[in-house]
Amino acid sequence: MRRVPHGPIRDGWKLTNFSLGLTYNDTELPDGTMVSYWQEGPYYDFTAAEIEELETATAAIHEMCLEAGDWMVKQCPRHTVQGRRDGYFASICNPSTCFLAKIGVPEFAHEQVIRTWFDGDAETWTHYDKDPDMRLPMETPDYSPSVYGRLDLWYNGAGSTPKLLEFNAQTPTSLVESAVVQWHWADQTGVTKHPWRQWNSIHDRLVGWPAADGEPADLGAWRRNINKLREARTWLPEKPKIFFAYETSEASGEDRMNVAYLMATAEEAGYPVELIAMSQIGWDVAGDRVLFVPGPGQEHKSEPIDIIFMLYPWEWFWTEEGGKAFFRNMADPTKHGTVWIEPPYKAALLGNKAILPVLWMLFGDHPERSKYLLPAYFAESAKAATLTSYAKKPIWGREGGSVTLVRDGKTITENPSEYGSDGRFIVQELCELPSFDGLEGTVHPVIGSWLIDGEPAGLGIREGLGVSGLVTNNMSFFVPHAIEAD
């Protein structure tokens, strides 16, 4: 892994990137300076062996995360049928007995976090059917699609071992630049003749590819997931419509274009789609249904939403007015409740920083598995107090907000924000991002390793500048990569 500071610069590269969906390239720094988010010229070059190591690490970490999710679910009393019966009309979850309550997931959401986690597992959800007295509505077999996620990794090339920094499981962005823009960059610059060119099968894994050279055809993430959903929900048409929702208050356009790209891949996979705003998700009180509510002047009428992808954090959604109704709507698949992509468990179990101390608790003593992890603890624990060099992170946080880095007892950088106002933090042993020389100074890259339908699919690199760049945030840059460049 090396950083090439003076790579080729394409004529008209800004317009090219804009045409590919990178409409949010201009970044305003705190001092008012405008800089380019996409870095044209520099790039990172990897050996094929390094890419294989990153791919292996990504698969191993994801497997550990799934095991950690199983552990978290079992710490909630509602994970058993009896627990759900006991809690049908009463509160049975509190921070001392329930892990989900401890990290701040509201109790009304626990049942759907657990159900969506186990959806598709026939043994878990159908073996109660023989005993009507033990059956509750949520035991109806169902399926909750999960399409994508991104692991953020520390890595410094051959001789180092990738380390998990965090898992962006529900709403990762930088998808357009990772899947599309850097792929075209590699094609147009020709910096490498390696047959892989770069580690980037994101688009193909979403859409699928035909059989070739003795290899079987691949349906792609969208078709695999929707096919499984239709097996569980037989009333859905062969090509159900998928809505894609984003938050219009995000002014840069990044959310819109990331959602629009995912929508385009679903459409390419053969599904009717529609792009909507979060504010257009409504509620039909009489029908107990989630609706798409067109804005003023739009011609078509409100319509029920069967399937929706939402680029909006569940931890925001479940605290907002009406949140309980949406979770109640999910409860019984036989009532044609709305299917949400990504499902609630992606935020409650995998996509928050609480998974980091759980992973260390479960695998810290396992030599082969712990090598991909950093020691991590809940901030209030006795073990956390033993660390003198650490990253302090809010359990529910985004874009580096409220992350503080401490080296030998002294703060080296911090990023104050509203995150962490609930007082829930974890600490993770400090592992400072690698340092490379850039034109503007020292830069620090983080590897974003993409998962499509649970499979390693490619990488995108963001880098920060200077000491503050040790925490990757919305001021960081995107830099493309190649494999064995000339």
Protein backbone atom coordinates (compact mmCIF):
# COMPACT_ATOMS: atom_id res chain seq x y z
CA MET A 1 0.00 0.00 0.00
CA ARG A 2 1.56 3.25 -1.16
CA ARG A 3 0.22 6.72 -1.78
CA VAL A 4 1.10 8.04 -5.22
CA PRO A 5 0.98 11.84 -4.81
CA HIS A 6 1.32 12.84 -8.49
CA GLY A 7 -0.93 10.64 -10.59
CA PRO A 8 -2.57 11.58 -13.90
CA ILE A 9 -5.05 14.45 -14.00
CA ARG A 10 -7.88 13.98 -16.50
CA ASP A 11 -9.10 16.81 -18.69
CA GLY A 12 -12.55 17.87 -17.53
CA TRP A 13 -12.51 15.49 -14.57
CA LYS A 14 -14.91 17.60 -12.50
CA LEU A 15 -17.57 17.51 -15.21
CA THR A 16 -16.99 13.80 -15.75
CA ASN A 17 -17.42 13.07 -12.05
CA PHE A 18 -20.50 15.29 -11.91
CA SER A 19 -22.07 13.38 -14.78
CA LEU A 20 -21.47 10.14 -12.88
CA GLY A 21 -23.35 11.40 -9.82
CA LEU A 22 -20.69 13.18 -7.76
CA THR A 23 -22.71 16.39 -7.52
CA TYR A 24 -21.47 17.13 -3.98
CA ASN A 25 -17.79 17.66 -4.72
CA ASP A 26 -17.28 21.16 -3.29
CA THR A 27 -16.52 21.09 0.45
CA GLU A 28 -16.43 24.23 2.55
CA LEU A 29 -13.83 24.17 5.31
CA PRO A 30 -14.46 25.93 8.66
CA ASP A 31 -12.44 28.96 7.47
CA GLY A 32 -14.69 29.34 4.42
CA THR A 33 -12.20 27.88 1.94
CA MET A 34 -13.73 25.70 -0.78
CA VAL A 35 -11.86 22.49 -1.57
CA SER A 36 -12.50 19.47 -3.75
CA TYR A 37 -13.83 16.40 -1.93
CA TRP A 38 -12.56 14.16 -4.75
CA GLN A 39 -8.76 14.28 -4.97
CA GLU A 40 -7.69 14.16 -8.60
CA GLY A 41 -4.03 13.26 -9.01
CA PRO A 42 -3.12 11.29 -5.88
CA TYR A 43 -4.19 7.68 -5.50
CA TYR A 44 -3.42 4.65 -3.39
CA ASP A 45 -1.78 1.61 -4.94
CA PHE A 46 -2.16 -1.89 -3.46
CA THR A 47 -0.62 -5.24 -4.21
CA ALA A 48 -2.98 -8.09 -5.03
CA ALA A 49 -1.90 -9.79 -1.79
CA GLU A 50 -2.90 -6.72 0.23
CA ILE A 51 -6.34 -6.70 -1.38
CA GLU A 52 -6.76 -10.38 -0.57
CA GLU A 53 -5.82 -9.63 3.03
CA LEU A 54 -8.42 -6.85 3.24
CA GLU A 55 -11.06 -9.11 1.72
CA THR A 56 -10.26 -11.90 4.18
CA ALA A 57 -10.37 -9.48 7.10
CA THR A 58 -13.70 -8.03 5.97
CA ALA A 59 -15.32 -11.46 5.82
CA ALA A 60 -13.90 -12.48 9.20
CA ILE A 61 -14.99 -9.25 10.91
CA HIS A 62 -18.49 -9.47 9.44
CA GLU A 63 -18.85 -13.02 10.73
CA MET A 64 -17.83 -11.87 14.21
CA CYS A 65 -20.34 -9.02 14.02
CA LEU A 66 -23.13 -11.49 13.29
CA GLU A 67 -22.12 -13.56 16.31
CA ALA A 68 -22.05 -10.40 18.41
CA GLY A 69 -25.57 -9.60 17.17
CA ASP A 70 -26.73 -13.03 18.37
CA TRP A 71 -25.26 -12.30 21.80
CA MET A 72 -26.94 -8.88 22.03
CA VAL A 73 -30.35 -10.28 21.09
CA LYS A 74 -30.12 -12.93 23.79
CA GLN A 75 -29.59 -10.23 26.42
CA CYS A 76 -33.12 -8.91 25.78
CA PRO A 77 -35.95 -10.70 27.69
CA ARG A 78 -38.13 -10.44 24.61
CA HIS A 79 -35.98 -12.79 22.59
CA THR A 80 -38.01 -15.75 23.88
CA VAL A 81 -41.69 -16.43 23.25
CA GLN A 82 -42.35 -16.35 26.99
CA GLY A 83 -40.55 -13.04 27.26
CA ARG A 84 -42.70 -11.57 24.52
CA ARG A 85 -45.81 -12.84 26.27
CA ASP A 86 -44.65 -11.35 29.59
CA GLY A 87 -43.97 -8.04 27.89
CA TYR A 88 -47.11 -7.90 25.77
CA PHE A 89 -48.82 -5.41 28.07
CA ALA A 90 -45.96 -4.58 30.41
CA SER A 91 -42.42 -3.21 30.42
CA ILE A 92 -39.89 -5.98 31.04
CA CYS A 93 -36.71 -4.37 29.67
CA ASN A 94 -34.42 -2.14 31.72
CA PRO A 95 -30.71 -1.30 31.47
CA SER A 96 -29.75 -3.78 34.17
CA THR A 97 -31.35 -6.79 32.44
CA CYS A 98 -31.56 -5.84 28.75
CA PHE A 99 -28.65 -4.88 26.53
CA LEU A 100 -30.84 -3.02 24.04
CA ALA A 101 -32.24 -0.88 26.86
CA LYS A 102 -28.73 -0.24 28.16
CA ILE A 103 -27.61 1.27 24.86
CA GLY A 104 -30.77 3.36 24.44
CA VAL A 105 -33.02 1.42 22.04
CA PRO A 106 -36.64 2.20 23.11
CA GLU A 107 -38.52 -0.82 24.38
CA PHE A 108 -41.30 -0.58 21.80
CA ALA A 109 -38.64 -1.24 19.12
CA HIS A 110 -37.07 -4.31 20.72
CA GLU A 111 -39.54 -6.80 19.33
CA GLN A 112 -38.96 -5.72 15.75
CA VAL A 113 -35.20 -5.55 16.20
CA ILE A 114 -35.31 -9.17 17.33
CA ARG A 115 -37.83 -10.33 14.72
CA THR A 116 -35.98 -8.80 11.80
CA TRP A 117 -32.73 -10.25 13.12
CA PHE A 118 -34.16 -13.77 13.00
CA ASP A 119 -36.25 -13.36 9.83
CA GLY A 120 -35.43 -16.02 7.30
CA ASP A 121 -34.36 -18.48 9.99
CA ALA A 122 -37.12 -21.08 9.66
CA GLU A 123 -36.04 -23.03 12.75
CA THR A 124 -36.31 -19.94 14.93
CA TRP A 125 -39.62 -18.64 13.73
CA THR A 126 -41.74 -21.63 12.65
CA HIS A 127 -41.19 -24.34 15.25
CA TYR A 128 -43.81 -22.76 17.52
CA ASP A 129 -46.55 -23.20 14.92
CA LYS A 130 -47.45 -26.68 16.21
CA ASP A 131 -48.48 -25.24 19.56
CA PRO A 132 -51.19 -22.59 19.11
CA ASP A 133 -50.85 -21.52 22.74
CA MET A 134 -47.23 -20.54 22.14
CA ARG A 135 -47.84 -18.69 18.89
CA LEU A 136 -47.77 -14.89 18.74
CA PRO A 137 -48.22 -12.81 15.56
CA MET A 138 -44.48 -12.22 15.23
CA GLU A 139 -43.84 -15.95 14.86
CA THR A 140 -45.18 -15.73 11.31
CA PRO A 141 -42.24 -16.54 8.99
CA ASP A 142 -40.95 -13.45 7.23
CA TYR A 143 -37.83 -12.05 5.60
CA SER A 144 -36.08 -8.72 6.17
CA PRO A 145 -33.76 -7.77 3.30
CA SER A 146 -30.33 -6.31 3.96
CA VAL A 147 -28.45 -4.99 0.96
CA TYR A 148 -25.28 -3.20 2.01
CA GLY A 149 -22.93 -1.96 4.75
CA ARG A 150 -19.40 -0.64 5.20
CA LEU A 151 -16.63 -1.53 7.63
CA ASP A 152 -14.17 1.26 8.43
CA LEU A 153 -10.73 -0.28 8.84
CA TRP A 154 -7.26 0.79 9.92
CA TYR A 155 -4.65 -0.60 7.52
CA ASN A 156 -1.09 0.32 6.65
CA GLY A 157 -0.26 -2.20 3.94
CA ALA A 158 1.75 -5.42 3.90
CA GLY A 159 3.12 -6.36 7.29
CA SER A 160 0.17 -4.81 9.13
CA THR A 161 -3.15 -6.40 10.03
CA PRO A 162 -6.46 -4.66 9.26
CA LYS A 163 -8.25 -3.47 12.40
CA LEU A 164 -11.94 -2.67 12.78
CA LEU A 165 -12.61 0.93 13.74
CA GLU A 166 -16.40 0.79 13.37
CA PHE A 167 -19.22 -0.72 11.30
CA ASN A 168 -21.45 1.62 9.29
CA ALA A 169 -24.16 -0.98 8.95
CA GLN A 170 -27.32 0.97 8.14
CA THR A 171 -26.70 4.26 6.34
CA PRO A 172 -23.17 4.33 4.87
CA THR A 173 -22.53 6.91 2.17
CA SER A 174 -19.56 7.42 -0.23
CA LEU A 175 -21.20 4.72 -2.34
CA VAL A 176 -21.31 6.73 -5.59
CA GLU A 177 -17.62 7.56 -5.49
CA SER A 178 -16.63 4.04 -4.38
CA ALA A 179 -18.76 2.05 -6.83
CA VAL A 180 -18.85 4.30 -9.90
CA VAL A 181 -16.56 7.34 -9.96
CA GLN A 182 -13.30 5.66 -9.00
CA TRP A 183 -14.04 2.78 -11.38
CA HIS A 184 -14.29 5.21 -14.29
CA TRP A 185 -11.17 6.98 -13.01
CA ALA A 186 -9.21 3.71 -13.25
CA ASP A 187 -10.60 3.05 -16.72
CA GLN A 188 -9.85 6.54 -18.03
CA THR A 189 -6.39 6.95 -16.55
CA GLY A 190 -5.14 3.44 -17.28
CA VAL A 191 -2.83 3.61 -14.27
CA THR A 192 -2.79 -0.19 -14.01
CA LYS A 193 -2.90 -3.12 -16.39
CA HIS A 194 -3.68 -5.59 -13.62
CA PRO A 195 -6.73 -7.68 -14.60
CA TRP A 196 -8.52 -6.71 -11.36
CA ARG A 197 -7.71 -3.00 -11.87
CA GLN A 198 -9.12 -2.19 -8.43
CA TRP A 199 -11.08 -3.97 -5.71
CA ASN A 200 -14.52 -2.96 -6.82
CA SER A 201 -17.37 -5.36 -7.59
CA ILE A 202 -19.93 -3.20 -5.77
CA HIS A 203 -22.15 -2.45 -8.76
CA ASP A 204 -22.10 -5.99 -10.14
CA ARG A 205 -22.91 -7.46 -6.75
CA LEU A 206 -25.91 -5.17 -6.43
CA VAL A 207 -27.25 -5.80 -9.93
CA GLY A 208 -25.90 -9.27 -10.76
CA TRP A 209 -24.10 -10.59 -13.81
CA PRO A 210 -24.72 -13.30 -16.45
CA ALA A 211 -22.93 -16.62 -16.64
CA ALA A 212 -19.54 -16.46 -18.38
CA ASP A 213 -16.42 -18.62 -18.81
CA GLY A 214 -17.87 -21.49 -16.86
CA GLU A 215 -18.93 -19.29 -13.97
CA PRO A 216 -22.59 -19.41 -12.87
CA ALA A 217 -24.83 -16.39 -13.21
CA ASP A 218 -25.29 -14.19 -10.16
CA LEU A 219 -28.70 -12.70 -9.42
CA GLY A 220 -27.27 -9.81 -7.44
CA ALA A 221 -28.27 -8.49 -4.04
CA TRP A 222 -31.55 -6.90 -5.11
CA ARG A 223 -33.01 -9.93 -6.85
CA ARG A 224 -31.81 -12.39 -4.21
CA ASN A 225 -33.33 -10.35 -1.41
CA ILE A 226 -36.62 -9.55 -3.12
CA ASN A 227 -37.03 -13.18 -4.22
CA LYS A 228 -36.63 -14.34 -0.61
CA LEU A 229 -39.05 -11.66 0.52
CA ARG A 230 -41.65 -12.83 -2.00
CA GLU A 231 -41.30 -16.40 -0.74
CA ALA A 232 -42.29 -15.14 2.71
CA ARG A 233 -44.88 -12.60 1.51
CA THR A 234 -46.61 -14.45 -1.30
CA TRP A 235 -49.07 -11.63 -2.03
CA LEU A 236 -46.31 -9.39 -3.37
CA PRO A 237 -46.18 -9.12 -7.19
CA GLU A 238 -43.28 -10.59 -9.13
CA LYS A 239 -41.77 -7.13 -9.50
CA PRO A 240 -42.85 -5.15 -6.42
CA LYS A 241 -42.29 -1.41 -6.40
CA ILE A 242 -39.44 -0.22 -4.18
CA PHE A 243 -39.51 3.30 -2.75
CA PHE A 244 -36.25 5.07 -1.95
CA ALA A 245 -36.36 7.81 0.70
CA TYR A 246 -33.80 10.45 1.68
CA GLU A 247 -33.73 13.47 3.97
CA THR A 248 -34.11 16.64 1.90
CA SER A 249 -32.67 18.86 4.65
CA GLU A 250 -29.21 17.43 3.85
CA ALA A 251 -28.13 20.37 1.71
CA SER A 252 -25.06 19.03 -0.12
CA GLY A 253 -27.02 16.50 -2.18
CA GLU A 254 -24.88 13.60 -0.94
CA ASP A 255 -27.80 11.69 0.58
CA ARG A 256 -29.96 12.21 -2.50
CA MET A 257 -27.31 10.93 -4.90
CA ASN A 258 -26.36 7.92 -2.78
CA VAL A 259 -30.03 6.94 -2.62
CA ALA A 260 -30.51 7.68 -6.32
CA TYR A 261 -27.58 5.40 -7.15
CA LEU A 262 -29.00 2.53 -5.10
CA MET A 263 -32.37 3.16 -6.76
CA ALA A 264 -30.73 2.96 -10.19
CA THR A 265 -29.20 -0.42 -9.33
CA ALA A 266 -32.58 -1.75 -8.19
CA GLU A 267 -34.13 -0.50 -11.41
CA GLU A 268 -31.35 -2.13 -13.43
CA ALA A 269 -32.12 -5.34 -11.55
CA GLY A 270 -35.67 -5.11 -12.91
CA TYR A 271 -37.82 -3.42 -10.27
CA PRO A 272 -40.11 -0.40 -10.51
CA VAL A 273 -38.77 2.34 -8.24
CA GLU A 274 -39.62 5.81 -6.98
CA LEU A 275 -37.45 8.41 -5.24
CA ILE A 276 -39.22 10.24 -2.39
CA ALA A 277 -38.43 12.52 0.53
CA MET A 278 -38.62 11.33 4.13
CA SER A 279 -41.33 13.96 4.63
CA GLN A 280 -43.48 12.12 2.08
CA ILE A 281 -43.74 9.01 4.24
CA GLY A 282 -47.19 9.20 5.80
CA TRP A 283 -49.54 7.15 7.92
CA ASP A 284 -53.02 5.85 7.14
CA VAL A 285 -54.69 5.67 10.55
CA ALA A 286 -57.78 3.83 9.31
CA GLY A 287 -55.87 1.29 7.26
CA ASP A 288 -52.92 0.96 9.63
CA ARG A 289 -50.59 1.34 6.65
CA VAL A 290 -47.49 3.31 5.75
CA LEU A 291 -48.19 5.56 2.75
CA PHE A 292 -46.35 7.56 0.13
CA VAL A 293 -47.96 11.00 0.28
CA PRO A 294 -47.21 13.08 -2.84
CA GLY A 295 -46.38 16.73 -2.36
CA PRO A 296 -48.53 19.66 -3.52
CA GLY A 297 -48.98 19.72 -7.28
CA GLN A 298 -48.01 16.09 -7.80
CA GLU A 299 -50.54 14.24 -9.91
CA HIS A 300 -50.71 10.75 -8.47
CA LYS A 301 -52.55 9.84 -5.30
CA SER A 302 -51.27 8.45 -2.02
CA GLU A 303 -50.36 4.78 -2.22
CA PRO A 304 -49.37 2.11 0.30
CA ILE A 305 -45.67 1.37 0.66
CA ASP A 306 -44.85 -2.34 0.65
CA ILE A 307 -41.05 -1.97 0.41
CA ILE A 308 -38.89 1.05 1.12
CA PHE A 309 -35.18 1.77 1.34
CA MET A 310 -34.56 4.57 3.83
CA LEU A 311 -31.27 6.48 4.13
CA TYR A 312 -32.20 7.78 7.54
CA PRO A 313 -30.89 6.55 10.91
CA TRP A 314 -33.23 4.27 12.84
CA GLU A 315 -31.98 5.88 16.06
CA TRP A 316 -33.54 9.14 14.85
CA PHE A 317 -36.64 7.52 13.40
CA TRP A 318 -37.66 5.63 16.54
CA THR A 319 -37.47 8.75 18.71
CA GLU A 320 -39.63 10.90 16.44
CA GLU A 321 -43.36 11.44 16.63
CA GLY A 322 -45.17 8.51 15.06
CA GLY A 323 -42.23 6.14 15.50
CA LYS A 324 -44.27 3.66 17.53
CA ALA A 325 -46.88 3.36 14.79
CA PHE A 326 -44.27 2.39 12.20
CA PHE A 327 -42.89 -0.32 14.46
CA ARG A 328 -46.39 -1.60 15.22
CA ASN A 329 -47.04 -1.79 11.48
CA MET A 330 -44.00 -4.06 11.11
CA ALA A 331 -45.20 -6.47 13.77
CA ASP A 332 -47.39 -8.88 11.80
CA PRO A 333 -46.38 -9.76 8.23
CA THR A 334 -49.89 -11.16 7.58
CA LYS A 335 -51.20 -7.59 7.83
CA HIS A 336 -49.02 -6.56 4.88
CA GLY A 337 -46.81 -4.32 7.02
CA THR A 338 -44.13 -2.26 5.29
CA VAL A 339 -40.71 -3.85 4.78
CA TRP A 340 -37.85 -1.47 5.55
CA ILE A 341 -34.38 -1.69 4.03
CA GLU A 342 -32.11 -1.64 5.94
CA PRO A 343 -34.03 -3.41 8.76
CA PRO A 344 -34.04 -2.10 12.37
CA TYR A 345 -31.44 -4.58 13.59
CA LYS A 346 -28.80 -2.96 11.36
CA ALA A 347 -28.80 0.09 13.65
CA ALA A 348 -29.71 -1.49 16.99
CA LEU A 349 -27.27 -4.41 16.85
CA LEU A 350 -24.54 -3.76 14.28
CA GLY A 351 -24.33 -0.10 13.37
CA ASN A 352 -23.68 1.50 16.75
CA LYS A 353 -20.39 1.67 18.63
CA ALA A 354 -21.68 -0.61 21.40
CA ILE A 355 -20.79 -3.56 19.19
CA LEU A 356 -17.09 -2.76 19.67
CA PRO A 357 -16.86 -3.71 23.39
CA VAL A 358 -19.13 -6.69 22.70
CA LEU A 359 -16.76 -7.93 20.00
CA TRP A 360 -13.78 -7.56 22.33
CA MET A 361 -15.61 -9.32 25.16
CA LEU A 362 -16.49 -12.26 22.89
CA PHE A 363 -13.29 -12.59 20.86
CA GLY A 364 -10.55 -10.68 22.71
CA ASP A 365 -9.00 -13.94 23.96
CA HIS A 366 -9.13 -15.66 20.56
CA PRO A 367 -5.74 -15.16 18.82
CA GLU A 368 -6.92 -15.63 15.23
CA ARG A 369 -10.04 -13.53 15.55
CA SER A 370 -8.91 -10.79 17.94
CA LYS A 371 -6.12 -9.76 15.56
CA TYR A 372 -8.71 -7.78 13.58
CA LEU A 373 -10.06 -6.02 16.69
CA LEU A 374 -8.97 -3.32 19.11
CA PRO A 375 -9.63 -3.58 22.86
CA ALA A 376 -12.84 -1.68 23.58
CA TYR A 377 -14.98 -1.13 26.69
CA PHE A 378 -17.99 0.84 27.82
CA ALA A 379 -16.70 4.17 29.07
CA GLU A 380 -18.04 3.68 32.61
CA SER A 381 -16.32 0.30 33.07
CA ALA A 382 -13.29 -0.29 35.26
CA LYS A 383 -11.30 -1.63 32.30
CA ALA A 384 -11.88 1.59 30.37
CA ALA A 385 -10.08 3.48 33.14
CA THR A 386 -6.93 1.41 32.54
CA LEU A 387 -6.46 2.82 29.02
CA THR A 388 -4.23 5.89 28.75
CA SER A 389 -4.33 6.07 24.93
CA TYR A 390 -7.79 5.66 23.43
CA ALA A 391 -10.55 6.92 21.18
CA LYS A 392 -13.69 7.92 23.05
CA LYS A 393 -16.77 7.53 20.85
CA PRO A 394 -20.49 8.09 21.41
CA ILE A 395 -22.51 4.90 21.01
CA TRP A 396 -24.85 6.76 18.66
CA GLY A 397 -22.73 9.04 16.50
CA ARG A 398 -21.92 9.87 12.89
CA GLU A 399 -19.19 11.51 10.81
CA GLY A 400 -16.73 11.58 13.71
CA GLY A 401 -19.03 13.72 15.85
CA SER A 402 -18.01 13.89 19.56
CA VAL A 403 -15.03 11.58 19.00
CA THR A 404 -12.02 12.40 21.17
CA LEU A 405 -8.53 10.93 20.72
CA VAL A 406 -6.29 10.67 23.78
CA ARG A 407 -2.61 9.74 23.66
CA ASP A 408 -0.75 9.06 26.91
CA GLY A 409 -3.46 10.81 28.88
CA LYS A 410 -3.48 13.96 26.74
CA THR A 411 -6.15 14.92 24.20
CA ILE A 412 -4.67 15.20 20.73
CA THR A 413 -7.88 16.04 18.84
CA GLU A 414 -11.61 16.25 19.47
CA ASN A 415 -14.68 16.96 17.40
CA PRO A 416 -17.49 18.39 19.59
CA SER A 417 -21.06 17.78 18.43
CA GLU A 418 -24.54 17.00 19.70
CA TYR A 419 -23.82 13.26 19.64
CA GLY A 420 -23.31 11.67 23.03
CA SER A 421 -25.70 14.01 24.84
CA ASP A 422 -27.26 10.91 26.42
CA GLY A 423 -23.93 10.15 28.12
CA ARG A 424 -23.46 6.78 26.36
CA PHE A 425 -19.85 6.33 25.22
CA ILE A 426 -17.35 3.57 24.56
CA VAL A 427 -13.57 3.76 24.57
CA GLN A 428 -11.39 1.91 22.07
CA GLU A 429 -7.65 1.45 22.31
CA LEU A 430 -6.00 4.19 20.27
CA CYS A 431 -4.85 3.11 16.82
CA GLU A 432 -3.89 6.27 14.97
CA LEU A 433 -4.56 6.27 11.25
CA PRO A 434 -1.48 5.80 9.05
CA SER A 435 0.36 8.91 7.91
CA PHE A 436 1.32 9.73 4.31
CA ASP A 437 2.79 12.86 2.75
CA GLY A 438 0.29 14.90 0.76
CA LEU A 439 0.63 18.17 -1.12
CA GLU A 440 -1.09 20.08 1.69
CA GLY A 441 0.60 18.22 4.54
CA THR A 442 0.27 14.90 6.33
CA VAL A 443 -2.83 12.89 5.39
CA HIS A 444 -4.44 9.97 7.20
CA PRO A 445 -6.44 7.36 5.23
CA VAL A 446 -9.20 5.10 6.46
CA ILE A 447 -10.26 2.05 4.45
CA GLY A 448 -13.99 1.78 3.80
CA SER A 449 -14.54 -1.90 3.03
CA TRP A 450 -17.94 -2.50 1.43
CA LEU A 451 -20.25 -5.43 2.06
CA ILE A 452 -22.98 -6.21 -0.46
CA ASP A 453 -25.51 -8.77 0.77
CA GLY A 454 -23.00 -9.73 3.45
CA GLU A 455 -20.13 -10.38 1.01
CA PRO A 456 -16.90 -8.32 0.71
CA ALA A 457 -17.28 -6.19 -2.42
CA GLY A 458 -14.68 -3.44 -2.67
CA LEU A 459 -13.12 -0.43 -0.99
CA GLY A 460 -13.18 3.33 -0.91
CA ILE A 461 -10.59 5.50 0.81
CA ARG A 462 -11.23 8.74 2.65
CA GLU A 463 -8.38 10.70 4.15
CA GLY A 464 -8.14 13.56 6.61
CA LEU A 465 -5.54 16.30 6.77
CA GLY A 466 -3.33 17.04 9.74
CA VAL A 467 -4.00 16.18 13.37
CA SER A 468 -7.75 16.79 13.04
CA GLY A 469 -7.70 14.35 10.10
CA LEU A 470 -6.98 11.51 12.51
CA VAL A 471 -10.78 11.48 12.97
CA THR A 472 -12.53 10.89 9.65
CA ASN A 473 -15.40 13.34 9.28
CA ASN A 474 -17.40 15.30 6.71
CA MET A 475 -14.30 17.41 5.95
CA SER A 476 -12.35 14.35 4.76
CA PHE A 477 -11.42 13.76 1.11
CA PHE A 478 -12.00 10.79 -1.18
CA VAL A 479 -8.98 9.30 -2.95
CA PRO A 480 -9.23 6.52 -5.57
CA HIS A 481 -7.16 3.34 -5.59
CA ALA A 482 -5.60 0.88 -7.99
CA ILE A 483 -4.03 -2.57 -7.85
CA GLU A 484 -0.37 -2.89 -8.89
CA ALA A 485 -0.18 0.34 -10.85
CA ASP A 486 2.53 0.73 -13.48
